Amino acid sequence: MRALLQRVSAASVTVDSAITGEIVSGLLVLVCAMQGDGEAEAAQLAHKISRLRIFRDEAGKMNRSVVDVGGAVLVVSQFTLAADTRSGTRPGFSKAASPTEGERLYHCFCENIRASGVPVETGKFGADMKVSLVNDGPVTVWLDTEDRPSKTK
């Protein structure tokens, strides 16, 4: 799974002129399930994000997680994170999970974030969404479960 997360002081997502999710302080997470991903990748990514220390501590250093600061997460499905731009000028999205599997893993990811004790708001999977945010920092981080450190024997 892939995710682009941004530390925000406010974020919301609107579908058909109605707000479907809104947070005051925390993380906006754009997430995409890739072909071959399963529940293990959704859980791994959710765990990493909930523990990622990108919030300021008392000394101003990025040393606290969204859990530590009592923040919330706004999760938005974003299949375009699977874009392959290596050839030509039109991105290909064939590496994204199928819509059915993508939606299942999107919900699994959200449930894993909730299980870490973090409030979760969401967009609507597959919908045309309008996302608004106020970056804090700005701090933007790219995560991909395929980039796991290799285990040495």
C-alpha atoms as a PDB file:
ATOM      1  CA  MET A   1       0.000   0.000   0.000  1.00  0.00           C
ATOM      2  CA  ARG A   2       1.067   3.552  -0.604  1.00  0.00           C
ATOM      3  CA  ALA A   3       0.260   6.653   1.375  1.00  0.00           C
ATOM      4  CA  LEU A   4       1.025  10.323   1.178  1.00  0.00           C
ATOM      5  CA  LEU A   5       0.459  11.979   4.521  1.00  0.00           C
ATOM      6  CA  GLN A   6       0.450  15.609   5.471  1.00  0.00           C
ATOM      7  CA  ARG A   7       0.509  17.074   8.944  1.00  0.00           C
ATOM      8  CA  VAL A   8      -2.422  19.483   9.060  1.00  0.00           C
ATOM      9  CA  SER A   9      -4.005  22.003  11.375  1.00  0.00           C
ATOM     10  CA  ALA A  10      -7.306  21.456   9.511  1.00  0.00           C
ATOM     11  CA  ALA A  11      -8.572  19.257   6.678  1.00  0.00           C
ATOM     12  CA  SER A  12     -11.890  18.265   5.152  1.00  0.00           C
ATOM     13  CA  VAL A  13     -13.284  16.308   2.234  1.00  0.00           C
ATOM     14  CA  THR A  14     -16.491  17.132   0.397  1.00  0.00           C
ATOM     15  CA  VAL A  15     -18.578  14.926  -1.896  1.00  0.00           C
ATOM     16  CA  ASP A  16     -21.509  16.424  -3.814  1.00  0.00           C
ATOM     17  CA  SER A  17     -21.308  19.654  -1.745  1.00  0.00           C
ATOM     18  CA  ALA A  18     -21.552  17.748   1.568  1.00  0.00           C
ATOM     19  CA  ILE A  19     -18.664  17.344   3.991  1.00  0.00           C
ATOM     20  CA  THR A  20     -18.026  13.623   4.520  1.00  0.00           C
ATOM     21  CA  GLY A  21     -15.010  13.997   6.794  1.00  0.00           C
ATOM     22  CA  GLU A  22     -13.343  16.806   8.703  1.00  0.00           C
ATOM     23  CA  ILE A  23     -10.554  17.080  11.275  1.00  0.00           C
ATOM     24  CA  VAL A  24      -9.046  19.961  13.200  1.00  0.00           C
ATOM     25  CA  SER A  25      -5.503  18.767  13.895  1.00  0.00           C
ATOM     26  CA  GLY A  26      -3.664  15.653  12.808  1.00  0.00           C
ATOM     27  CA  LEU A  27      -2.937  13.945   9.517  1.00  0.00           C
ATOM     28  CA  LEU A  28      -4.474  13.941   6.066  1.00  0.00           C
ATOM     29  CA  VAL A  29      -3.675  10.531   4.579  1.00  0.00           C
ATOM     30  CA  LEU A  30      -4.117   9.839   0.877  1.00  0.00           C
ATOM     31  CA  VAL A  31      -3.972   6.043   0.519  1.00  0.00           C
ATOM     32  CA  CYS A  32      -3.842   3.545  -2.357  1.00  0.00           C
ATOM     33  CA  ALA A  33      -3.946  -0.247  -2.331  1.00  0.00           C
ATOM     34  CA  MET A  34      -1.673  -1.855  -4.899  1.00  0.00           C
ATOM     35  CA  GLN A  35      -2.037  -5.203  -6.679  1.00  0.00           C
ATOM     36  CA  GLY A  36      -0.913  -7.963  -4.352  1.00  0.00           C
ATOM     37  CA  ASP A  37      -1.622  -5.980  -1.177  1.00  0.00           C
ATOM     38  CA  GLY A  38      -3.640  -7.595   1.575  1.00  0.00           C
ATOM     39  CA  GLU A  39      -4.742  -7.039   5.139  1.00  0.00           C
ATOM     40  CA  ALA A  40      -1.160  -7.395   6.396  1.00  0.00           C
ATOM     41  CA  GLU A  41      -0.049  -4.382   4.338  1.00  0.00           C
ATOM     42  CA  ALA A  42      -3.074  -2.358   5.477  1.00  0.00           C
ATOM     43  CA  ALA A  43      -2.276  -3.150   9.118  1.00  0.00           C
ATOM     44  CA  GLN A  44       1.445  -2.463   8.669  1.00  0.00           C
ATOM     45  CA  LEU A  45       0.825   0.916   7.034  1.00  0.00           C
ATOM     46  CA  ALA A  46      -1.761   1.939   9.642  1.00  0.00           C
ATOM     47  CA  HIS A  47       0.607   0.990  12.473  1.00  0.00           C
ATOM     48  CA  LYS A  48       3.490   2.936  10.913  1.00  0.00           C
ATOM     49  CA  ILE A  49       1.365   6.048  10.373  1.00  0.00           C
ATOM     50  CA  SER A  50      -0.150   6.043  13.856  1.00  0.00           C
ATOM     51  CA  ARG A  51       3.345   5.808  15.396  1.00  0.00           C
ATOM     52  CA  LEU A  52       5.276   8.068  12.986  1.00  0.00           C
ATOM     53  CA  ARG A  53       6.908  10.839  15.014  1.00  0.00           C
ATOM     54  CA  ILE A  54       6.285  13.935  12.888  1.00  0.00           C
ATOM     55  CA  PHE A  55       4.646  16.222  15.447  1.00  0.00           C
ATOM     56  CA  ARG A  56       6.578  18.722  17.555  1.00  0.00           C
ATOM     57  CA  ASP A  57       7.456  18.047  21.161  1.00  0.00           C
ATOM     58  CA  GLU A  58       7.981  20.730  23.825  1.00  0.00           C
ATOM     59  CA  ALA A  59      11.448  21.461  22.411  1.00  0.00           C
ATOM     60  CA  GLY A  60      10.064  21.947  18.884  1.00  0.00           C
ATOM     61  CA  LYS A  61      11.565  18.716  17.534  1.00  0.00           C
ATOM     62  CA  MET A  62       9.529  16.224  15.505  1.00  0.00           C
ATOM     63  CA  ASN A  63       9.336  13.609  18.222  1.00  0.00           C
ATOM     64  CA  ARG A  64       5.628  12.890  18.771  1.00  0.00           C
ATOM     65  CA  SER A  65       3.083  10.782  16.877  1.00  0.00           C
ATOM     66  CA  VAL A  66      -0.551  11.503  16.065  1.00  0.00           C
ATOM     67  CA  VAL A  67      -1.399   9.174  18.976  1.00  0.00           C
ATOM     68  CA  ASP A  68       0.893  11.155  21.323  1.00  0.00           C
ATOM     69  CA  VAL A  69      -0.672  14.520  20.427  1.00  0.00           C
ATOM     70  CA  GLY A  70      -4.276  13.299  20.484  1.00  0.00           C
ATOM     71  CA  GLY A  71      -4.736  14.153  16.808  1.00  0.00           C
ATOM     72  CA  ALA A  72      -7.139  12.737  14.253  1.00  0.00           C
ATOM     73  CA  VAL A  73      -6.685  11.248  10.781  1.00  0.00           C
ATOM     74  CA  LEU A  74      -8.636  12.087   7.635  1.00  0.00           C
ATOM     75  CA  VAL A  75      -8.258   9.174   5.181  1.00  0.00           C
ATOM     76  CA  VAL A  76      -8.946   9.719   1.485  1.00  0.00           C
ATOM     77  CA  SER A  77      -8.741   6.964  -1.139  1.00  0.00           C
ATOM     78  CA  GLN A  78      -6.368   7.991  -3.928  1.00  0.00           C
ATOM     79  CA  PHE A  79      -5.798   5.392  -6.653  1.00  0.00           C
ATOM     80  CA  THR A  80      -3.625   7.873  -8.576  1.00  0.00           C
ATOM     81  CA  LEU A  81      -0.812   7.167  -6.089  1.00  0.00           C
ATOM     82  CA  ALA A  82      -0.311   4.040  -8.223  1.00  0.00           C
ATOM     83  CA  ALA A  83       0.600   6.195 -11.226  1.00  0.00           C
ATOM     84  CA  ASP A  84       3.335   4.823 -13.461  1.00  0.00           C
ATOM     85  CA  THR A  85       4.924   7.767 -15.273  1.00  0.00           C
ATOM     86  CA  ARG A  86       8.043   6.043 -16.616  1.00  0.00           C
ATOM     87  CA  SER A  87       6.868   6.096 -20.217  1.00  0.00           C
ATOM     88  CA  GLY A  88       5.089   8.790 -22.169  1.00  0.00           C
ATOM     89  CA  THR A  89       3.069  11.636 -20.738  1.00  0.00           C
ATOM     90  CA  ARG A  90      -0.090   9.802 -19.700  1.00  0.00           C
ATOM     91  CA  PRO A  91       0.195   7.973 -16.356  1.00  0.00           C
ATOM     92  CA  GLY A  92      -0.839   4.333 -16.167  1.00  0.00           C
ATOM     93  CA  PHE A  93      -2.671   2.944 -13.151  1.00  0.00           C
ATOM     94  CA  SER A  94      -2.534  -0.793 -13.838  1.00  0.00           C
ATOM     95  CA  LYS A  95      -0.585  -1.469 -10.618  1.00  0.00           C
ATOM     96  CA  ALA A  96      -3.482  -0.261  -8.439  1.00  0.00           C
ATOM     97  CA  ALA A  97      -5.631  -2.922  -6.790  1.00  0.00           C
ATOM     98  CA  SER A  98      -9.009  -3.591  -8.390  1.00  0.00           C
ATOM     99  CA  PRO A  99     -11.760  -1.247  -7.181  1.00  0.00           C
ATOM    100  CA  THR A 100     -13.382  -4.020  -5.117  1.00  0.00           C
ATOM    101  CA  GLU A 101     -10.128  -5.024  -3.424  1.00  0.00           C
ATOM    102  CA  GLY A 102      -9.032  -1.391  -3.112  1.00  0.00           C
ATOM    103  CA  GLU A 103     -12.205  -0.490  -1.252  1.00  0.00           C
ATOM    104  CA  ARG A 104     -11.920  -3.494   1.045  1.00  0.00           C
ATOM    105  CA  LEU A 105      -8.328  -2.632   1.947  1.00  0.00           C
ATOM    106  CA  TYR A 106      -9.186   1.067   2.333  1.00  0.00           C
ATOM    107  CA  HIS A 107     -11.757   0.164   4.996  1.00  0.00           C
ATOM    108  CA  CYS A 108      -9.353  -2.318   6.591  1.00  0.00           C
ATOM    109  CA  PHE A 109      -6.702   0.427   6.770  1.00  0.00           C
ATOM    110  CA  CYS A 110      -9.185   2.841   8.402  1.00  0.00           C
ATOM    111  CA  GLU A 111     -10.194   0.214  10.980  1.00  0.00           C
ATOM    112  CA  ASN A 112      -6.547  -0.414  11.845  1.00  0.00           C
ATOM    113  CA  ILE A 113      -5.970   3.311  12.414  1.00  0.00           C
ATOM    114  CA  ARG A 114      -9.073   3.423  14.647  1.00  0.00           C
ATOM    115  CA  ALA A 115      -7.790   0.390  16.580  1.00  0.00           C
ATOM    116  CA  SER A 116      -4.708   2.423  17.512  1.00  0.00           C
ATOM    117  CA  GLY A 117      -6.998   4.848  19.365  1.00  0.00           C
ATOM    118  CA  VAL A 118      -6.966   7.601  16.745  1.00  0.00           C
ATOM    119  CA  PRO A 119     -10.237   9.201  15.589  1.00  0.00           C
ATOM    120  CA  VAL A 120     -10.713   8.636  11.848  1.00  0.00           C
ATOM    121  CA  GLU A 121     -12.767  10.609   9.355  1.00  0.00           C
ATOM    122  CA  THR A 122     -13.022   9.557   5.717  1.00  0.00           C
ATOM    123  CA  GLY A 123     -13.889  10.554   2.222  1.00  0.00           C
ATOM    124  CA  LYS A 124     -16.068   8.309   0.056  1.00  0.00           C
ATOM    125  CA  PHE A 125     -14.243   5.572  -1.817  1.00  0.00           C
ATOM    126  CA  GLY A 126     -14.371   6.060  -5.586  1.00  0.00           C
ATOM    127  CA  ALA A 127     -16.191   9.385  -5.408  1.00  0.00           C
ATOM    128  CA  ASP A 128     -15.167  12.684  -6.970  1.00  0.00           C
ATOM    129  CA  MET A 129     -13.929  14.439  -3.837  1.00  0.00           C
ATOM    130  CA  LYS A 130     -12.828  17.962  -3.038  1.00  0.00           C
ATOM    131  CA  VAL A 131     -10.108  17.973  -0.381  1.00  0.00           C
ATOM    132  CA  SER A 132      -9.191  21.078   1.594  1.00  0.00           C
ATOM    133  CA  LEU A 133      -6.295  21.325   3.994  1.00  0.00           C
ATOM    134  CA  VAL A 134      -4.110  23.690   5.937  1.00  0.00           C
ATOM    135  CA  ASN A 135      -0.586  22.253   5.977  1.00  0.00           C
ATOM    136  CA  ASP A 136       1.224  22.446   9.296  1.00  0.00           C
ATOM    137  CA  GLY A 137       4.924  22.943   8.718  1.00  0.00           C
ATOM    138  CA  PRO A 138       4.505  21.925   5.942  1.00  0.00           C
ATOM    139  CA  VAL A 139       5.298  18.296   6.686  1.00  0.00           C
ATOM    140  CA  THR A 140       4.614  15.783   3.906  1.00  0.00           C
ATOM    141  CA  VAL A 141       5.753  12.142   4.003  1.00  0.00           C
ATOM    142  CA  TRP A 142       5.531   9.349   1.412  1.00  0.00           C
ATOM    143  CA  LEU A 143       5.185   5.761   2.646  1.00  0.00           C
ATOM    144  CA  ASP A 144       5.083   2.529   0.678  1.00  0.00           C
ATOM    145  CA  THR A 145       4.848  -0.914   2.273  1.00  0.00           C
ATOM    146  CA  GLU A 146       6.987  -2.200  -0.587  1.00  0.00           C
ATOM    147  CA  ASP A 147       9.872  -0.095   0.795  1.00  0.00           C
ATOM    148  CA  ARG A 148      10.157  -2.179   3.970  1.00  0.00           C
ATOM    149  CA  PRO A 149      13.675  -2.581   5.273  1.00  0.00           C
ATOM    150  CA  SER A 150      15.022  -5.983   4.357  1.00  0.00           C
ATOM    151  CA  LYS A 151      15.535  -8.471   7.159  1.00  0.00           C
ATOM    152  CA  THR A 152      19.047  -9.763   7.536  1.00  0.00           C
ATOM    153  CA  LYS A 153      19.673 -13.390   8.344  1.00  0.00           C
END
